[in-house]
């Protein structure tokens, strides 16, 4: 997505498992997307889990990660507990709960082999899942790993350094970042901070009343090749419209 002549927008986000719609909207709005893989792993966040919809409500799909005795691993170092059959359970959950979805066959075919691959590190799984989902959405953007940029620093200073190294004059971030981001430092480096303000669309789903903030897999299963348009264009429908 072009941000104007001579302008470049960067997004820096931590890797996430089967991310939600807003994650992909930020990716769409970026000129370069950086996976923040060398910061501390958040074991209570979205790095290793997300939700899908079932006939009894949202269901968590969680990738087991080895944390005991691991100290404070980075996203890049976090290892999957391969003793647990998580992939089989996730594949079965997708099959059972979306078998009747309009785009099930295409989406399932694109995701199943990625989930079943014998991954050892969470970052490799998350990157492969992200690329597979981008393929299903028809979304292509350069995706880089922060660990491969060889850029030192902490917090705001490092984000600014990443922007400068990649020639960006715009930094797009989530709304919550306004609580801790030092915008004056960005301004001093001629970088404009933009907040995402994502408006979640309401779209046709299986299993009754609409549930927001699920994995993008839910949107893909229900809308297939139309999903990117729903996601980025604010193709929002009211609940009443969906029932007619």
C-alpha atoms as a PDB file:
ATOM      1  CA  UNK A   1       0.000   0.000   0.000  1.00  0.00           C
ATOM      2  CA  UNK A   2       1.604   3.254  -1.080  1.00  0.00           C
ATOM      3  CA  UNK A   3       1.740   6.007   1.548  1.00  0.00           C
ATOM      4  CA  UNK A   4       2.517   8.733  -0.946  1.00  0.00           C
ATOM      5  CA  UNK A   5       5.420   9.799  -3.121  1.00  0.00           C
ATOM      6  CA  UNK A   6       8.712   9.374  -1.311  1.00  0.00           C
ATOM      7  CA  UNK A   7       6.988   8.230   1.890  1.00  0.00           C
ATOM      8  CA  UNK A   8       7.449   4.874   3.566  1.00  0.00           C
ATOM      9  CA  UNK A   9       5.419   3.412   6.425  1.00  0.00           C
ATOM     10  CA  UNK A  10       6.849   0.787   8.766  1.00  0.00           C
ATOM     11  CA  UNK A  11       4.951  -1.533  11.097  1.00  0.00           C
ATOM     12  CA  UNK A  12       6.786  -3.427  13.857  1.00  0.00           C
ATOM     13  CA  UNK A  13       4.751  -6.127  15.601  1.00  0.00           C
ATOM     14  CA  UNK A  14       5.582  -9.133  17.702  1.00  0.00           C
ATOM     15  CA  UNK A  15       4.831 -12.486  16.056  1.00  0.00           C
ATOM     16  CA  UNK A  16       1.398 -13.915  16.780  1.00  0.00           C
ATOM     17  CA  UNK A  17      -0.213 -17.314  16.236  1.00  0.00           C
ATOM     18  CA  UNK A  18      -3.118 -17.270  13.760  1.00  0.00           C
ATOM     19  CA  UNK A  19      -3.436 -13.465  14.199  1.00  0.00           C
ATOM     20  CA  UNK A  20      -6.638 -11.430  14.331  1.00  0.00           C
ATOM     21  CA  UNK A  21      -7.949  -9.130  11.601  1.00  0.00           C
ATOM     22  CA  UNK A  22      -6.334  -5.949  12.915  1.00  0.00           C
ATOM     23  CA  UNK A  23      -2.888  -7.532  12.665  1.00  0.00           C
ATOM     24  CA  UNK A  24      -3.367  -8.057   8.939  1.00  0.00           C
ATOM     25  CA  UNK A  25      -4.837  -4.594   8.458  1.00  0.00           C
ATOM     26  CA  UNK A  26      -1.622  -3.147   9.877  1.00  0.00           C
ATOM     27  CA  UNK A  27       0.372  -5.415   7.588  1.00  0.00           C
ATOM     28  CA  UNK A  28      -1.687  -4.225   4.613  1.00  0.00           C
ATOM     29  CA  UNK A  29      -1.103  -0.588   5.523  1.00  0.00           C
ATOM     30  CA  UNK A  30       2.664  -1.094   5.790  1.00  0.00           C
ATOM     31  CA  UNK A  31       5.308  -0.722   3.115  1.00  0.00           C
ATOM     32  CA  UNK A  32       7.615  -2.946   5.168  1.00  0.00           C
ATOM     33  CA  UNK A  33       6.467  -5.201   8.012  1.00  0.00           C
ATOM     34  CA  UNK A  34       8.929  -6.145  10.752  1.00  0.00           C
ATOM     35  CA  UNK A  35       8.383  -9.100  13.060  1.00  0.00           C
ATOM     36  CA  UNK A  36       9.800  -8.125  16.455  1.00  0.00           C
ATOM     37  CA  UNK A  37      11.306 -11.516  17.193  1.00  0.00           C
ATOM     38  CA  UNK A  38      14.223 -10.601  19.479  1.00  0.00           C
ATOM     39  CA  UNK A  39      12.274  -9.059  22.358  1.00  0.00           C
ATOM     40  CA  UNK A  40      11.142 -10.968  25.440  1.00  0.00           C
ATOM     41  CA  UNK A  41       8.531 -13.662  24.895  1.00  0.00           C
ATOM     42  CA  UNK A  42       5.195 -12.890  26.557  1.00  0.00           C
ATOM     43  CA  UNK A  43       3.792 -16.182  27.803  1.00  0.00           C
ATOM     44  CA  UNK A  44       0.418 -14.634  28.622  1.00  0.00           C
ATOM     45  CA  UNK A  45      -0.045 -12.844  25.307  1.00  0.00           C
ATOM     46  CA  UNK A  46      -0.906 -13.759  21.721  1.00  0.00           C
ATOM     47  CA  UNK A  47       2.442 -15.233  20.676  1.00  0.00           C
ATOM     48  CA  UNK A  48       1.249 -18.833  20.957  1.00  0.00           C
ATOM     49  CA  UNK A  49      -2.544 -18.724  20.934  1.00  0.00           C
ATOM     50  CA  UNK A  50      -5.684 -17.354  19.361  1.00  0.00           C
ATOM     51  CA  UNK A  51      -9.396 -18.089  19.134  1.00  0.00           C
ATOM     52  CA  UNK A  52     -11.735 -19.621  16.592  1.00  0.00           C
ATOM     53  CA  UNK A  53     -15.528 -19.895  16.707  1.00  0.00           C
ATOM     54  CA  UNK A  54     -17.504 -23.018  17.622  1.00  0.00           C
ATOM     55  CA  UNK A  55     -21.173 -23.766  18.183  1.00  0.00           C
ATOM     56  CA  UNK A  56     -20.556 -23.356  21.920  1.00  0.00           C
ATOM     57  CA  UNK A  57     -18.598 -20.106  21.682  1.00  0.00           C
ATOM     58  CA  UNK A  58     -14.963 -19.074  21.119  1.00  0.00           C
ATOM     59  CA  UNK A  59     -12.306 -21.781  21.472  1.00  0.00           C
ATOM     60  CA  UNK A  60      -8.655 -21.142  22.303  1.00  0.00           C
ATOM     61  CA  UNK A  61      -6.064 -22.835  20.100  1.00  0.00           C
ATOM     62  CA  UNK A  62      -2.817 -22.796  22.082  1.00  0.00           C
ATOM     63  CA  UNK A  63       0.633 -23.961  21.027  1.00  0.00           C
ATOM     64  CA  UNK A  64       2.400 -25.379  24.119  1.00  0.00           C
ATOM     65  CA  UNK A  65       5.685 -23.596  24.779  1.00  0.00           C
ATOM     66  CA  UNK A  66       8.496 -24.754  27.056  1.00  0.00           C
ATOM     67  CA  UNK A  67       8.903 -22.077  29.728  1.00  0.00           C
ATOM     68  CA  UNK A  68      10.031 -23.952  32.858  1.00  0.00           C
ATOM     69  CA  UNK A  69      13.748 -23.454  33.372  1.00  0.00           C
ATOM     70  CA  UNK A  70      14.025 -21.372  30.209  1.00  0.00           C
ATOM     71  CA  UNK A  71      14.717 -18.061  31.950  1.00  0.00           C
ATOM     72  CA  UNK A  72      13.421 -15.107  29.923  1.00  0.00           C
ATOM     73  CA  UNK A  73      13.519 -16.293  26.321  1.00  0.00           C
ATOM     74  CA  UNK A  74      12.966 -13.981  23.376  1.00  0.00           C
ATOM     75  CA  UNK A  75      10.281 -14.671  20.795  1.00  0.00           C
ATOM     76  CA  UNK A  76      13.056 -16.097  18.641  1.00  0.00           C
ATOM     77  CA  UNK A  77      14.229 -18.510  21.337  1.00  0.00           C
ATOM     78  CA  UNK A  78      10.832 -19.777  22.547  1.00  0.00           C
ATOM     79  CA  UNK A  79      10.630 -23.516  21.931  1.00  0.00           C
ATOM     80  CA  UNK A  80       7.505 -25.559  21.266  1.00  0.00           C
ATOM     81  CA  UNK A  81       6.736 -28.487  23.570  1.00  0.00           C
ATOM     82  CA  UNK A  82       6.791 -31.167  20.879  1.00  0.00           C
ATOM     83  CA  UNK A  83       5.716 -33.843  23.346  1.00  0.00           C
ATOM     84  CA  UNK A  84       2.147 -32.595  23.098  1.00  0.00           C
ATOM     85  CA  UNK A  85      -0.038 -33.334  20.023  1.00  0.00           C
ATOM     86  CA  UNK A  86      -1.127 -29.705  19.651  1.00  0.00           C
ATOM     87  CA  UNK A  87      -1.061 -29.681  15.833  1.00  0.00           C
ATOM     88  CA  UNK A  88      -3.388 -32.643  15.553  1.00  0.00           C
ATOM     89  CA  UNK A  89      -5.820 -30.992  17.969  1.00  0.00           C
ATOM     90  CA  UNK A  90      -5.754 -27.662  16.111  1.00  0.00           C
ATOM     91  CA  UNK A  91      -6.264 -29.288  12.725  1.00  0.00           C
ATOM     92  CA  UNK A  92      -9.165 -31.318  14.092  1.00  0.00           C
ATOM     93  CA  UNK A  93     -10.727 -28.235  15.689  1.00  0.00           C
ATOM     94  CA  UNK A  94     -10.582 -26.372  12.380  1.00  0.00           C
ATOM     95  CA  UNK A  95     -12.067 -29.327  10.518  1.00  0.00           C
ATOM     96  CA  UNK A  96     -14.908 -29.912  12.964  1.00  0.00           C
ATOM     97  CA  UNK A  97     -15.923 -26.283  13.417  1.00  0.00           C
ATOM     98  CA  UNK A  98     -15.537 -24.994   9.841  1.00  0.00           C
ATOM     99  CA  UNK A  99     -16.378 -28.002   7.669  1.00  0.00           C
ATOM    100  CA  UNK A 100     -19.604 -26.282   6.579  1.00  0.00           C
ATOM    101  CA  UNK A 101     -17.986 -22.896   5.933  1.00  0.00           C
ATOM    102  CA  UNK A 102     -18.128 -21.645   2.307  1.00  0.00           C
ATOM    103  CA  UNK A 103     -14.339 -21.503   1.831  1.00  0.00           C
ATOM    104  CA  UNK A 104     -13.371 -24.411   4.085  1.00  0.00           C
ATOM    105  CA  UNK A 105     -11.651 -26.593   1.478  1.00  0.00           C
ATOM    106  CA  UNK A 106      -9.295 -23.927   0.127  1.00  0.00           C
ATOM    107  CA  UNK A 107      -8.409 -22.445   3.510  1.00  0.00           C
ATOM    108  CA  UNK A 108      -7.955 -25.791   5.248  1.00  0.00           C
ATOM    109  CA  UNK A 109      -5.730 -27.024   2.423  1.00  0.00           C
ATOM    110  CA  UNK A 110      -3.558 -23.927   2.832  1.00  0.00           C
ATOM    111  CA  UNK A 111      -3.220 -24.164   6.609  1.00  0.00           C
ATOM    112  CA  UNK A 112      -3.145 -27.875   7.476  1.00  0.00           C
ATOM    113  CA  UNK A 113       0.335 -28.731   6.116  1.00  0.00           C
ATOM    114  CA  UNK A 114       1.839 -25.689   7.850  1.00  0.00           C
ATOM    115  CA  UNK A 115       0.405 -26.723  11.214  1.00  0.00           C
ATOM    116  CA  UNK A 116       1.458 -30.354  10.798  1.00  0.00           C
ATOM    117  CA  UNK A 117       5.094 -29.537  10.009  1.00  0.00           C
ATOM    118  CA  UNK A 118       7.407 -30.668  12.871  1.00  0.00           C
ATOM    119  CA  UNK A 119       8.291 -27.202  14.174  1.00  0.00           C
ATOM    120  CA  UNK A 120      10.644 -26.814  17.133  1.00  0.00           C
ATOM    121  CA  UNK A 121      10.621 -23.013  17.548  1.00  0.00           C
ATOM    122  CA  UNK A 122       7.519 -20.842  17.834  1.00  0.00           C
ATOM    123  CA  UNK A 123       8.906 -18.050  15.624  1.00  0.00           C
ATOM    124  CA  UNK A 124       9.313 -20.435  12.689  1.00  0.00           C
ATOM    125  CA  UNK A 125       5.742 -21.678  13.080  1.00  0.00           C
ATOM    126  CA  UNK A 126       4.350 -18.150  13.418  1.00  0.00           C
ATOM    127  CA  UNK A 127       6.228 -16.844  10.403  1.00  0.00           C
ATOM    128  CA  UNK A 128       5.104 -19.778   8.257  1.00  0.00           C
ATOM    129  CA  UNK A 129       1.496 -19.376   9.424  1.00  0.00           C
ATOM    130  CA  UNK A 130       1.643 -15.649   8.703  1.00  0.00           C
ATOM    131  CA  UNK A 131       2.941 -16.260   5.182  1.00  0.00           C
ATOM    132  CA  UNK A 132       0.298 -18.927   4.528  1.00  0.00           C
ATOM    133  CA  UNK A 133      -2.500 -16.639   5.714  1.00  0.00           C
ATOM    134  CA  UNK A 134      -1.151 -13.764   3.618  1.00  0.00           C
ATOM    135  CA  UNK A 135      -1.231 -16.096   0.625  1.00  0.00           C
ATOM    136  CA  UNK A 136      -4.858 -16.986   1.295  1.00  0.00           C
ATOM    137  CA  UNK A 137      -5.713 -13.294   1.674  1.00  0.00           C
ATOM    138  CA  UNK A 138      -3.825 -12.331  -1.483  1.00  0.00           C
ATOM    139  CA  UNK A 139      -1.704  -9.946   0.592  1.00  0.00           C
ATOM    140  CA  UNK A 140       1.967  -9.419  -0.295  1.00  0.00           C
ATOM    141  CA  UNK A 141       4.330  -7.232   1.727  1.00  0.00           C
ATOM    142  CA  UNK A 142       8.032  -7.486   2.586  1.00  0.00           C
ATOM    143  CA  UNK A 143       8.256  -9.244   5.975  1.00  0.00           C
ATOM    144  CA  UNK A 144      11.535  -8.873   7.883  1.00  0.00           C
ATOM    145  CA  UNK A 145      12.796 -10.184  11.225  1.00  0.00           C
ATOM    146  CA  UNK A 146      14.144  -7.602  13.651  1.00  0.00           C
ATOM    147  CA  UNK A 147      16.855 -10.062  14.712  1.00  0.00           C
ATOM    148  CA  UNK A 148      18.265 -10.023  11.194  1.00  0.00           C
ATOM    149  CA  UNK A 149      18.494  -6.219  10.967  1.00  0.00           C
ATOM    150  CA  UNK A 150      21.433  -5.989  13.413  1.00  0.00           C
ATOM    151  CA  UNK A 151      20.044  -2.833  15.007  1.00  0.00           C
ATOM    152  CA  UNK A 152      20.833  -2.299  18.719  1.00  0.00           C
ATOM    153  CA  UNK A 153      18.878  -0.269  21.240  1.00  0.00           C
ATOM    154  CA  UNK A 154      15.876  -0.515  23.531  1.00  0.00           C
ATOM    155  CA  UNK A 155      12.214   0.520  23.367  1.00  0.00           C
ATOM    156  CA  UNK A 156      11.514   3.788  21.520  1.00  0.00           C
ATOM    157  CA  UNK A 157      15.148   4.321  20.543  1.00  0.00           C
ATOM    158  CA  UNK A 158      15.292   0.971  18.797  1.00  0.00           C
ATOM    159  CA  UNK A 159      12.016   1.491  16.971  1.00  0.00           C
ATOM    160  CA  UNK A 160      13.337   4.797  15.678  1.00  0.00           C
ATOM    161  CA  UNK A 161      16.584   3.103  14.630  1.00  0.00           C
ATOM    162  CA  UNK A 162      14.619   0.465  12.709  1.00  0.00           C
ATOM    163  CA  UNK A 163      12.603   3.156  10.942  1.00  0.00           C
ATOM    164  CA  UNK A 164      15.743   5.074  10.024  1.00  0.00           C
ATOM    165  CA  UNK A 165      17.560   1.964   8.805  1.00  0.00           C
ATOM    166  CA  UNK A 166      14.656   1.093   6.533  1.00  0.00           C
ATOM    167  CA  UNK A 167      14.171   4.660   5.305  1.00  0.00           C
ATOM    168  CA  UNK A 168      10.746   5.117   6.892  1.00  0.00           C
ATOM    169  CA  UNK A 169       9.174   8.456   7.718  1.00  0.00           C
ATOM    170  CA  UNK A 170       5.987   6.953   9.175  1.00  0.00           C
ATOM    171  CA  UNK A 171       5.554   4.485  12.014  1.00  0.00           C
ATOM    172  CA  UNK A 172       2.145   2.812  12.352  1.00  0.00           C
ATOM    173  CA  UNK A 173       1.369   1.294  15.728  1.00  0.00           C
ATOM    174  CA  UNK A 174      -1.519   0.038  17.833  1.00  0.00           C
ATOM    175  CA  UNK A 175      -3.634   2.428  19.879  1.00  0.00           C
ATOM    176  CA  UNK A 176      -2.269   1.142  23.211  1.00  0.00           C
ATOM    177  CA  UNK A 177       1.207   2.373  22.284  1.00  0.00           C
ATOM    178  CA  UNK A 178       0.094   5.937  23.030  1.00  0.00           C
ATOM    179  CA  UNK A 179       0.480   5.073  26.725  1.00  0.00           C
ATOM    180  CA  UNK A 180       4.230   4.513  26.513  1.00  0.00           C
ATOM    181  CA  UNK A 181       5.573   5.761  23.181  1.00  0.00           C
ATOM    182  CA  UNK A 182       7.688   8.928  23.274  1.00  0.00           C
ATOM    183  CA  UNK A 183       6.445  10.723  20.178  1.00  0.00           C
ATOM    184  CA  UNK A 184       8.860  13.608  20.683  1.00  0.00           C
ATOM    185  CA  UNK A 185      11.769  11.295  19.931  1.00  0.00           C
ATOM    186  CA  UNK A 186      10.132  10.237  16.678  1.00  0.00           C
ATOM    187  CA  UNK A 187       9.423  13.837  15.746  1.00  0.00           C
ATOM    188  CA  UNK A 188      13.067  14.743  16.399  1.00  0.00           C
ATOM    189  CA  UNK A 189      13.984  12.143  13.780  1.00  0.00           C
ATOM    190  CA  UNK A 190      11.365  13.356  11.271  1.00  0.00           C
ATOM    191  CA  UNK A 191       9.240  10.247  11.731  1.00  0.00           C
ATOM    192  CA  UNK A 192       5.468  10.596  12.043  1.00  0.00           C
ATOM    193  CA  UNK A 193       3.711   8.302  14.523  1.00  0.00           C
ATOM    194  CA  UNK A 194       0.329   7.027  13.307  1.00  0.00           C
ATOM    195  CA  UNK A 195      -2.131   5.094  15.464  1.00  0.00           C
ATOM    196  CA  UNK A 196      -4.105   2.274  13.964  1.00  0.00           C
ATOM    197  CA  UNK A 197      -7.676   2.891  15.236  1.00  0.00           C
ATOM    198  CA  UNK A 198      -8.954  -0.305  13.613  1.00  0.00           C
ATOM    199  CA  UNK A 199     -12.702  -0.584  13.087  1.00  0.00           C
ATOM    200  CA  UNK A 200     -13.616  -4.250  13.310  1.00  0.00           C
ATOM    201  CA  UNK A 201     -16.033  -5.338  10.556  1.00  0.00           C
ATOM    202  CA  UNK A 202     -19.090  -7.444  11.241  1.00  0.00           C
ATOM    203  CA  UNK A 203     -19.270 -10.286   8.740  1.00  0.00           C
ATOM    204  CA  UNK A 204     -21.269 -13.461   8.160  1.00  0.00           C
ATOM    205  CA  UNK A 205     -20.134 -16.284  10.440  1.00  0.00           C
ATOM    206  CA  UNK A 206     -21.200 -19.799  11.285  1.00  0.00           C
ATOM    207  CA  UNK A 207     -22.611 -20.718  14.693  1.00  0.00           C
ATOM    208  CA  UNK A 208     -25.044 -17.945  15.523  1.00  0.00           C
ATOM    209  CA  UNK A 209     -24.460 -14.466  16.910  1.00  0.00           C
ATOM    210  CA  UNK A 210     -21.424 -12.577  15.634  1.00  0.00           C
ATOM    211  CA  UNK A 211     -18.233 -12.791  17.709  1.00  0.00           C
ATOM    212  CA  UNK A 212     -15.431 -10.257  17.014  1.00  0.00           C
ATOM    213  CA  UNK A 213     -11.677 -10.425  17.659  1.00  0.00           C
ATOM    214  CA  UNK A 214     -11.154 -13.981  16.476  1.00  0.00           C
ATOM    215  CA  UNK A 215      -8.313 -15.322  14.364  1.00  0.00           C
ATOM    216  CA  UNK A 216      -8.429 -14.187  10.734  1.00  0.00           C
ATOM    217  CA  UNK A 217      -8.986 -17.875   9.964  1.00  0.00           C
ATOM    218  CA  UNK A 218     -12.644 -17.354  10.903  1.00  0.00           C
ATOM    219  CA  UNK A 219     -13.035 -14.599   8.309  1.00  0.00           C
ATOM    220  CA  UNK A 220     -11.198 -16.627   5.657  1.00  0.00           C
ATOM    221  CA  UNK A 221     -13.307 -19.726   6.236  1.00  0.00           C
ATOM    222  CA  UNK A 222     -16.502 -17.727   5.817  1.00  0.00           C
ATOM    223  CA  UNK A 223     -15.523 -15.311   3.031  1.00  0.00           C
ATOM    224  CA  UNK A 224     -12.593 -16.849   1.177  1.00  0.00           C
ATOM    225  CA  UNK A 225     -11.180 -14.605  -1.540  1.00  0.00           C
ATOM    226  CA  UNK A 226     -13.404 -11.707  -0.447  1.00  0.00           C
ATOM    227  CA  UNK A 227     -11.749 -11.634   2.999  1.00  0.00           C
ATOM    228  CA  UNK A 228      -9.126  -8.986   2.284  1.00  0.00           C
ATOM    229  CA  UNK A 229     -11.800  -6.571   1.071  1.00  0.00           C
ATOM    230  CA  UNK A 230     -13.861  -7.162   4.199  1.00  0.00           C
ATOM    231  CA  UNK A 231     -10.781  -6.713   6.357  1.00  0.00           C
ATOM    232  CA  UNK A 232      -9.336  -3.507   4.907  1.00  0.00           C
ATOM    233  CA  UNK A 233     -12.232  -1.647   3.342  1.00  0.00           C
ATOM    234  CA  UNK A 234     -14.476  -1.544   6.369  1.00  0.00           C
ATOM    235  CA  UNK A 235     -17.042  -3.665   4.521  1.00  0.00           C
ATOM    236  CA  UNK A 236     -19.094  -3.582   7.691  1.00  0.00           C
ATOM    237  CA  UNK A 237     -22.560  -5.093   7.945  1.00  0.00           C
ATOM    238  CA  UNK A 238     -24.963  -4.713  10.809  1.00  0.00           C
ATOM    239  CA  UNK A 239     -26.164  -7.767  12.653  1.00  0.00           C
ATOM    240  CA  UNK A 240     -29.660  -7.101  11.262  1.00  0.00           C
ATOM    241  CA  UNK A 241     -28.364  -7.150   7.686  1.00  0.00           C
ATOM    242  CA  UNK A 242     -26.641 -10.459   8.253  1.00  0.00           C
ATOM    243  CA  UNK A 243     -29.858 -12.035   9.498  1.00  0.00           C
ATOM    244  CA  UNK A 244     -31.813 -11.069   6.371  1.00  0.00           C
END
